[in-house]
Amino acid sequence: MSAPDGRLLKVLDDDECHRMLARSVIGRLAYTEGALPAIQPVHFTLYQDRVLIPTSAGSKVAAASRGAVVAFEVDDFDPENRTGWNVTVVGPAQVVSAPADVAVLNRLGVAAWAPGDDPCYIAIETTLVRGRRIVALPSAVEAAPAG
């Protein structure tokens, strides 16, 4: 789908969505807190087709994610050219807190966004993955005024 200003919207296929997830390190976790929507930035990694978010067992994020269906989003954008991409994952989440499992996941090298005691991970199954990219058409980039 092309816009009048020379930009194009492309829907990303599943493989490209997973590639974008795999090269990102910061995302946003959307969950329900007290029957209201909440969104929090998190560090994460993609491992065995799951989004893994390090946190602590006593955190609000861990409590809200335990057994719930959550959404997770990553993106990147260029505000000047109004281009960028985003990938959204929706799926059931579970808290991984067994010390042996946490030790294995710690070897992946991703650190929690906020410090805390009693480390654990939120594991989100990538049940539904969708993404899109907005790109500038070559003619629009060439015609853009120098600034």
N, C-alpha and C. Protein backbone atom coordinates (compact mmCIF):
# COMPACT_ATOMS: atom_id res chain seq x y z
N MET A 1 0.86 -1.17 0.00
CA MET A 1 0.00 0.00 0.00
C MET A 1 0.90 1.23 0.00
N SER A 2 0.71 2.11 -0.95
CA SER A 2 1.54 3.29 -1.12
C SER A 2 0.80 4.54 -0.64
N ALA A 3 1.54 5.43 0.03
CA ALA A 3 0.97 6.69 0.50
C ALA A 3 1.30 7.79 -0.49
N PRO A 4 0.47 8.87 -0.54
CA PRO A 4 0.72 9.97 -1.47
C PRO A 4 2.08 10.65 -1.25
N ASP A 5 2.65 10.54 -0.05
CA ASP A 5 3.92 11.21 0.22
C ASP A 5 5.13 10.34 -0.13
N GLY A 6 4.92 9.23 -0.84
CA GLY A 6 6.04 8.43 -1.30
C GLY A 6 6.53 7.39 -0.31
N ARG A 7 5.69 6.98 0.60
CA ARG A 7 6.05 5.91 1.53
C ARG A 7 5.21 4.68 1.20
N LEU A 8 5.71 3.53 1.58
CA LEU A 8 5.05 2.27 1.28
C LEU A 8 4.93 1.44 2.56
N LEU A 9 3.76 0.87 2.79
CA LEU A 9 3.52 -0.02 3.94
C LEU A 9 3.65 -1.45 3.47
N LYS A 10 4.55 -2.20 4.12
CA LYS A 10 4.75 -3.61 3.80
C LYS A 10 4.43 -4.45 5.03
N VAL A 11 3.69 -5.52 4.83
CA VAL A 11 3.43 -6.48 5.90
C VAL A 11 4.60 -7.45 5.93
N LEU A 12 5.17 -7.68 7.12
CA LEU A 12 6.32 -8.57 7.26
C LEU A 12 5.84 -10.02 7.40
N ASP A 13 6.56 -10.94 6.77
CA ASP A 13 6.21 -12.35 6.94
C ASP A 13 6.78 -12.86 8.26
N ASP A 14 6.40 -14.07 8.63
CA ASP A 14 6.78 -14.64 9.92
C ASP A 14 8.30 -14.70 10.10
N ASP A 15 9.02 -15.11 9.07
CA ASP A 15 10.49 -15.20 9.17
C ASP A 15 11.11 -13.83 9.42
N GLU A 16 10.64 -12.82 8.71
CA GLU A 16 11.20 -11.48 8.89
C GLU A 16 10.86 -10.93 10.28
N CYS A 17 9.64 -11.20 10.76
CA CYS A 17 9.27 -10.79 12.12
C CYS A 17 10.22 -11.40 13.14
N HIS A 18 10.52 -12.69 13.00
CA HIS A 18 11.43 -13.35 13.93
C HIS A 18 12.85 -12.79 13.83
N ARG A 19 13.29 -12.43 12.61
CA ARG A 19 14.62 -11.82 12.47
C ARG A 19 14.67 -10.47 13.19
N MET A 20 13.60 -9.68 13.07
CA MET A 20 13.56 -8.38 13.74
C MET A 20 13.56 -8.56 15.26
N LEU A 21 12.80 -9.53 15.74
CA LEU A 21 12.79 -9.81 17.17
C LEU A 21 14.18 -10.24 17.65
N ALA A 22 14.84 -11.08 16.88
CA ALA A 22 16.13 -11.63 17.28
C ALA A 22 17.22 -10.57 17.36
N ARG A 23 17.10 -9.48 16.61
CA ARG A 23 18.16 -8.47 16.64
C ARG A 23 17.83 -7.28 17.53
N SER A 24 16.70 -7.31 18.20
CA SER A 24 16.32 -6.23 19.11
C SER A 24 16.63 -6.65 20.55
N VAL A 25 16.77 -5.67 21.43
CA VAL A 25 17.05 -5.98 22.84
C VAL A 25 16.08 -5.31 23.81
N ILE A 26 15.39 -4.27 23.36
CA ILE A 26 14.43 -3.56 24.20
C ILE A 26 13.06 -3.67 23.55
N GLY A 27 12.06 -3.96 24.35
CA GLY A 27 10.70 -4.03 23.85
C GLY A 27 9.74 -3.53 24.90
N ARG A 28 8.46 -3.66 24.61
CA ARG A 28 7.42 -3.23 25.55
C ARG A 28 6.48 -4.39 25.80
N LEU A 29 6.27 -4.68 27.07
CA LEU A 29 5.35 -5.74 27.47
C LEU A 29 4.02 -5.11 27.85
N ALA A 30 2.94 -5.57 27.24
CA ALA A 30 1.59 -5.10 27.56
C ALA A 30 0.87 -6.20 28.32
N TYR A 31 0.34 -5.85 29.47
CA TYR A 31 -0.32 -6.81 30.34
C TYR A 31 -1.46 -6.11 31.07
N THR A 32 -2.19 -6.86 31.86
CA THR A 32 -3.30 -6.29 32.62
C THR A 32 -2.88 -6.17 34.08
N GLU A 33 -3.10 -4.99 34.64
CA GLU A 33 -2.78 -4.74 36.05
C GLU A 33 -4.02 -4.13 36.70
N GLY A 34 -4.63 -4.85 37.62
CA GLY A 34 -5.83 -4.35 38.28
C GLY A 34 -6.95 -4.08 37.30
N ALA A 35 -7.13 -4.95 36.32
CA ALA A 35 -8.17 -4.85 35.28
C ALA A 35 -7.95 -3.69 34.32
N LEU A 36 -6.77 -3.07 34.34
CA LEU A 36 -6.44 -1.98 33.42
C LEU A 36 -5.23 -2.36 32.59
N PRO A 37 -5.14 -1.85 31.37
CA PRO A 37 -3.96 -2.14 30.56
C PRO A 37 -2.73 -1.42 31.10
N ALA A 38 -1.59 -2.10 31.03
CA ALA A 38 -0.31 -1.53 31.46
C ALA A 38 0.74 -1.91 30.43
N ILE A 39 1.71 -1.03 30.24
CA ILE A 39 2.80 -1.28 29.31
C ILE A 39 4.10 -0.89 30.00
N GLN A 40 5.10 -1.75 29.86
CA GLN A 40 6.37 -1.50 30.52
C GLN A 40 7.52 -1.85 29.58
N PRO A 41 8.56 -0.98 29.53
CA PRO A 41 9.74 -1.34 28.73
C PRO A 41 10.51 -2.46 29.43
N VAL A 42 11.08 -3.36 28.63
CA VAL A 42 11.81 -4.51 29.18
C VAL A 42 12.97 -4.87 28.26
N HIS A 43 14.02 -5.43 28.86
CA HIS A 43 15.05 -6.11 28.07
C HIS A 43 14.51 -7.49 27.77
N PHE A 44 14.95 -8.07 26.67
CA PHE A 44 14.46 -9.40 26.32
C PHE A 44 15.43 -10.07 25.36
N THR A 45 15.18 -11.33 25.13
CA THR A 45 15.86 -12.06 24.08
C THR A 45 14.87 -13.05 23.49
N LEU A 46 15.11 -13.46 22.27
CA LEU A 46 14.30 -14.48 21.62
C LEU A 46 15.08 -15.78 21.69
N TYR A 47 14.46 -16.82 22.23
CA TYR A 47 15.14 -18.10 22.41
C TYR A 47 14.12 -19.22 22.23
N GLN A 48 14.42 -20.13 21.33
CA GLN A 48 13.55 -21.27 21.05
C GLN A 48 12.10 -20.85 20.83
N ASP A 49 11.92 -19.85 20.00
CA ASP A 49 10.60 -19.35 19.60
C ASP A 49 9.78 -18.80 20.78
N ARG A 50 10.49 -18.34 21.81
CA ARG A 50 9.82 -17.68 22.94
C ARG A 50 10.53 -16.36 23.21
N VAL A 51 9.76 -15.36 23.60
CA VAL A 51 10.33 -14.11 24.07
C VAL A 51 10.60 -14.31 25.55
N LEU A 52 11.85 -14.08 25.96
CA LEU A 52 12.24 -14.25 27.37
C LEU A 52 12.59 -12.90 27.97
N ILE A 53 11.94 -12.58 29.06
CA ILE A 53 12.13 -11.29 29.73
C ILE A 53 12.64 -11.55 31.14
N PRO A 54 13.87 -11.13 31.45
CA PRO A 54 14.36 -11.30 32.82
C PRO A 54 13.71 -10.28 33.76
N THR A 55 13.34 -10.73 34.93
CA THR A 55 12.73 -9.86 35.93
C THR A 55 12.97 -10.49 37.30
N SER A 56 12.26 -10.04 38.30
CA SER A 56 12.35 -10.67 39.61
C SER A 56 10.97 -11.22 39.98
N ALA A 57 10.96 -12.28 40.77
CA ALA A 57 9.71 -12.99 41.08
C ALA A 57 8.68 -12.09 41.76
N GLY A 58 9.10 -11.08 42.49
CA GLY A 58 8.17 -10.21 43.19
C GLY A 58 7.70 -9.01 42.39
N SER A 59 8.11 -8.91 41.14
CA SER A 59 7.74 -7.74 40.34
C SER A 59 6.29 -7.79 39.90
N LYS A 60 5.74 -6.61 39.62
CA LYS A 60 4.37 -6.53 39.09
C LYS A 60 4.27 -7.24 37.76
N VAL A 61 5.30 -7.12 36.94
CA VAL A 61 5.30 -7.75 35.62
C VAL A 61 5.20 -9.27 35.76
N ALA A 62 5.97 -9.85 36.66
CA ALA A 62 5.91 -11.30 36.86
C ALA A 62 4.55 -11.72 37.39
N ALA A 63 4.01 -10.99 38.34
CA ALA A 63 2.71 -11.34 38.91
C ALA A 63 1.61 -11.24 37.85
N ALA A 64 1.63 -10.20 37.04
CA ALA A 64 0.59 -9.98 36.05
C ALA A 64 0.70 -10.94 34.87
N SER A 65 1.90 -11.44 34.60
CA SER A 65 2.13 -12.30 33.44
C SER A 65 1.89 -13.77 33.73
N ARG A 66 1.84 -14.14 34.96
CA ARG A 66 1.73 -15.56 35.35
C ARG A 66 0.44 -16.16 34.78
N GLY A 67 0.58 -16.97 33.72
CA GLY A 67 -0.56 -17.65 33.13
C GLY A 67 -1.47 -16.79 32.28
N ALA A 68 -1.11 -15.55 32.04
CA ALA A 68 -1.97 -14.63 31.29
C ALA A 68 -1.56 -14.59 29.81
N VAL A 69 -2.46 -14.14 28.97
CA VAL A 69 -2.12 -13.83 27.59
C VAL A 69 -1.67 -12.37 27.59
N VAL A 70 -0.49 -12.13 27.04
CA VAL A 70 0.10 -10.79 27.03
C VAL A 70 0.46 -10.41 25.59
N ALA A 71 0.79 -9.15 25.41
CA ALA A 71 1.30 -8.67 24.13
C ALA A 71 2.70 -8.10 24.36
N PHE A 72 3.52 -8.22 23.34
CA PHE A 72 4.89 -7.74 23.40
C PHE A 72 5.19 -7.07 22.07
N GLU A 73 5.89 -5.93 22.10
CA GLU A 73 6.13 -5.17 20.88
C GLU A 73 7.55 -4.64 20.84
N VAL A 74 8.15 -4.68 19.66
CA VAL A 74 9.45 -4.04 19.39
C VAL A 74 9.29 -3.18 18.15
N ASP A 75 10.11 -2.14 18.06
CA ASP A 75 10.03 -1.28 16.88
C ASP A 75 11.30 -0.49 16.71
N ASP A 76 11.39 0.15 15.59
CA ASP A 76 12.46 1.11 15.31
C ASP A 76 11.89 2.08 14.28
N PHE A 77 12.31 3.33 14.35
CA PHE A 77 11.74 4.31 13.43
C PHE A 77 12.70 5.45 13.18
N ASP A 78 12.44 6.12 12.07
CA ASP A 78 13.17 7.32 11.67
C ASP A 78 12.12 8.43 11.60
N PRO A 79 12.04 9.28 12.63
CA PRO A 79 10.98 10.29 12.65
C PRO A 79 11.09 11.32 11.53
N GLU A 80 12.30 11.58 11.08
CA GLU A 80 12.48 12.57 10.02
C GLU A 80 11.87 12.10 8.70
N ASN A 81 12.11 10.83 8.35
CA ASN A 81 11.58 10.28 7.10
C ASN A 81 10.24 9.57 7.27
N ARG A 82 9.78 9.48 8.52
CA ARG A 82 8.51 8.82 8.84
C ARG A 82 8.51 7.38 8.31
N THR A 83 9.62 6.68 8.57
CA THR A 83 9.75 5.28 8.19
C THR A 83 10.08 4.47 9.43
N GLY A 84 9.93 3.17 9.35
CA GLY A 84 10.28 2.30 10.46
C GLY A 84 9.55 0.98 10.37
N TRP A 85 9.63 0.23 11.44
CA TRP A 85 8.99 -1.08 11.48
C TRP A 85 8.53 -1.39 12.89
N ASN A 86 7.61 -2.34 13.00
CA ASN A 86 7.23 -2.85 14.32
C ASN A 86 6.82 -4.31 14.19
N VAL A 87 7.03 -5.05 15.27
CA VAL A 87 6.62 -6.45 15.37
C VAL A 87 5.89 -6.60 16.70
N THR A 88 4.74 -7.26 16.64
CA THR A 88 3.94 -7.52 17.85
C THR A 88 3.77 -9.02 18.01
N VAL A 89 3.95 -9.49 19.24
CA VAL A 89 3.76 -10.89 19.61
C VAL A 89 2.63 -10.94 20.61
N VAL A 90 1.71 -11.88 20.44
CA VAL A 90 0.65 -12.12 21.41
C VAL A 90 0.69 -13.60 21.75
N GLY A 91 0.66 -13.90 23.04
CA GLY A 91 0.67 -15.30 23.44
C GLY A 91 0.60 -15.47 24.93
N PRO A 92 0.43 -16.71 25.36
CA PRO A 92 0.39 -16.99 26.80
C PRO A 92 1.79 -16.84 27.41
N ALA A 93 1.80 -16.36 28.63
CA ALA A 93 3.06 -16.15 29.35
C ALA A 93 3.12 -17.06 30.56
N GLN A 94 4.31 -17.47 30.87
CA GLN A 94 4.52 -18.23 32.10
C GLN A 94 5.77 -17.68 32.77
N VAL A 95 5.84 -17.83 34.06
CA VAL A 95 7.02 -17.39 34.80
C VAL A 95 7.92 -18.60 35.00
N VAL A 96 9.18 -18.45 34.61
CA VAL A 96 10.18 -19.50 34.79
C VAL A 96 11.00 -19.11 36.01
N SER A 97 10.85 -19.86 37.09
CA SER A 97 11.51 -19.47 38.33
C SER A 97 12.35 -20.59 38.98
N ALA A 98 12.29 -21.80 38.46
CA ALA A 98 13.11 -22.88 39.02
C ALA A 98 14.58 -22.51 38.88
N PRO A 99 15.36 -22.58 39.96
CA PRO A 99 16.76 -22.13 39.90
C PRO A 99 17.57 -22.75 38.76
N ALA A 100 17.39 -24.01 38.47
CA ALA A 100 18.15 -24.64 37.39
C ALA A 100 17.77 -24.05 36.03
N ASP A 101 16.49 -23.79 35.83
CA ASP A 101 16.03 -23.19 34.56
C ASP A 101 16.52 -21.74 34.44
N VAL A 102 16.45 -21.00 35.53
CA VAL A 102 16.93 -19.61 35.53
C VAL A 102 18.43 -19.58 35.22
N ALA A 103 19.19 -20.52 35.79
CA ALA A 103 20.64 -20.58 35.53
C ALA A 103 20.92 -20.80 34.05
N VAL A 104 20.16 -21.68 33.40
CA VAL A 104 20.32 -21.92 31.96
C VAL A 104 20.02 -20.65 31.18
N LEU A 105 18.92 -19.98 31.50
CA LEU A 105 18.53 -18.77 30.77
C LEU A 105 19.49 -17.61 31.04
N ASN A 106 20.07 -17.56 32.24
CA ASN A 106 21.04 -16.51 32.54
C ASN A 106 22.22 -16.55 31.58
N ARG A 107 22.55 -17.74 31.07
CA ARG A 107 23.68 -17.88 30.14
C ARG A 107 23.41 -17.20 28.80
N LEU A 108 22.17 -16.83 28.54
CA LEU A 108 21.84 -16.12 27.30
C LEU A 108 22.34 -14.68 27.33
N GLY A 109 22.65 -14.18 28.53
CA GLY A 109 23.28 -12.86 28.66
C GLY A 109 22.36 -11.66 28.67
N VAL A 110 21.07 -11.86 28.81
CA VAL A 110 20.16 -10.72 28.86
C VAL A 110 19.93 -10.34 30.32
N ALA A 111 20.02 -9.06 30.64
CA ALA A 111 19.87 -8.59 32.03
C ALA A 111 18.52 -7.91 32.20
N ALA A 112 18.00 -7.98 33.40
CA ALA A 112 16.71 -7.34 33.71
C ALA A 112 16.82 -5.83 33.54
N TRP A 113 15.74 -5.20 33.12
CA TRP A 113 15.68 -3.75 32.96
C TRP A 113 15.87 -3.07 34.31
N ALA A 114 15.15 -3.54 35.32
CA ALA A 114 15.25 -2.97 36.66
C ALA A 114 15.90 -4.00 37.60
N PRO A 115 16.75 -3.53 38.51
CA PRO A 115 17.39 -4.47 39.43
C PRO A 115 16.36 -5.07 40.40
N GLY A 116 16.67 -6.26 40.88
CA GLY A 116 15.77 -6.89 41.83
C GLY A 116 16.34 -8.20 42.34
N ASP A 117 15.73 -8.70 43.40
CA ASP A 117 16.14 -9.97 43.98
C ASP A 117 15.26 -11.08 43.42
N ASP A 118 15.65 -12.32 43.66
CA ASP A 118 14.86 -13.49 43.28
C ASP A 118 14.60 -13.51 41.77
N PRO A 119 15.65 -13.66 40.96
CA PRO A 119 15.50 -13.58 39.50
C PRO A 119 14.61 -14.68 38.93
N CYS A 120 13.90 -14.32 37.89
CA CYS A 120 13.08 -15.25 37.13
C CYS A 120 12.96 -14.71 35.72
N TYR A 121 12.26 -15.42 34.88
CA TYR A 121 12.02 -14.98 33.50
C TYR A 121 10.54 -15.11 33.18
N ILE A 122 10.06 -14.19 32.38
CA ILE A 122 8.74 -14.34 31.78
C ILE A 122 8.99 -14.93 30.39
N ALA A 123 8.34 -16.04 30.10
CA ALA A 123 8.47 -16.69 28.79
C ALA A 123 7.14 -16.53 28.05
N ILE A 124 7.18 -15.87 26.91
CA ILE A 124 5.98 -15.64 26.11
C ILE A 124 6.05 -16.51 24.86
N GLU A 125 5.07 -17.36 24.68
CA GLU A 125 4.97 -18.17 23.47
C GLU A 125 4.62 -17.24 22.31
N THR A 126 5.29 -17.41 21.19
CA THR A 126 5.03 -16.55 20.02
C THR A 126 3.87 -17.15 19.22
N THR A 127 2.69 -17.17 19.84
CA THR A 127 1.50 -17.75 19.22
C THR A 127 1.05 -16.96 18.01
N LEU A 128 1.01 -15.64 18.15
CA LEU A 128 0.60 -14.75 17.06
C LEU A 128 1.70 -13.71 16.89
N VAL A 129 2.26 -13.64 15.70
CA VAL A 129 3.33 -12.69 15.41
C VAL A 129 2.94 -11.90 14.16
N ARG A 130 2.94 -10.58 14.29
CA ARG A 130 2.60 -9.71 13.16
C ARG A 130 3.60 -8.56 13.11
N GLY A 131 3.88 -8.13 11.91
CA GLY A 131 4.80 -7.01 11.76
C GLY A 131 4.53 -6.24 10.49
N ARG A 132 5.03 -5.02 10.48
CA ARG A 132 4.92 -4.18 9.29
C ARG A 132 6.09 -3.22 9.25
N ARG A 133 6.34 -2.75 8.04
CA ARG A 133 7.45 -1.82 7.81
C ARG A 133 6.93 -0.71 6.91
N ILE A 134 7.29 0.52 7.21
CA ILE A 134 7.00 1.64 6.34
C ILE A 134 8.33 2.12 5.78
N VAL A 135 8.43 2.09 4.46
CA VAL A 135 9.68 2.48 3.79
C VAL A 135 9.40 3.64 2.85
N ALA A 136 10.44 4.41 2.58
CA ALA A 136 10.34 5.50 1.60
C ALA A 136 10.63 4.92 0.23
N LEU A 137 9.80 5.25 -0.72
CA LEU A 137 10.06 4.82 -2.10
C LEU A 137 11.29 5.55 -2.62
N PRO A 138 12.10 4.92 -3.47
CA PRO A 138 13.34 5.57 -3.95
C PRO A 138 13.11 6.94 -4.53
N SER A 139 12.06 7.15 -5.27
CA SER A 139 11.83 8.46 -5.88
C SER A 139 11.54 9.50 -4.81
N ALA A 140 10.89 9.11 -3.70
CA ALA A 140 10.60 10.05 -2.63
C ALA A 140 11.87 10.45 -1.88
N VAL A 141 12.80 9.50 -1.72
CA VAL A 141 14.07 9.80 -1.03
C VAL A 141 14.90 10.75 -1.86
N GLU A 142 14.96 10.49 -3.17
CA GLU A 142 15.75 11.35 -4.06
C GLU A 142 15.18 12.77 -4.12
N ALA A 143 13.84 12.89 -4.02
CA ALA A 143 13.18 14.20 -4.14
C ALA A 143 13.16 14.96 -2.82
N ALA A 144 13.54 14.32 -1.72
CA ALA A 144 13.49 14.96 -0.41
C ALA A 144 14.48 16.12 -0.37
N PRO A 145 14.09 17.27 0.18
CA PRO A 145 14.99 18.42 0.24
C PRO A 145 16.15 18.13 1.20
N ALA A 146 17.33 18.62 0.86
CA ALA A 146 18.49 18.46 1.74
C ALA A 146 18.31 19.34 2.96
N GLY A 147 18.72 18.84 4.10
CA GLY A 147 18.47 19.65 5.28
C GLY A 147 19.53 19.56 6.21
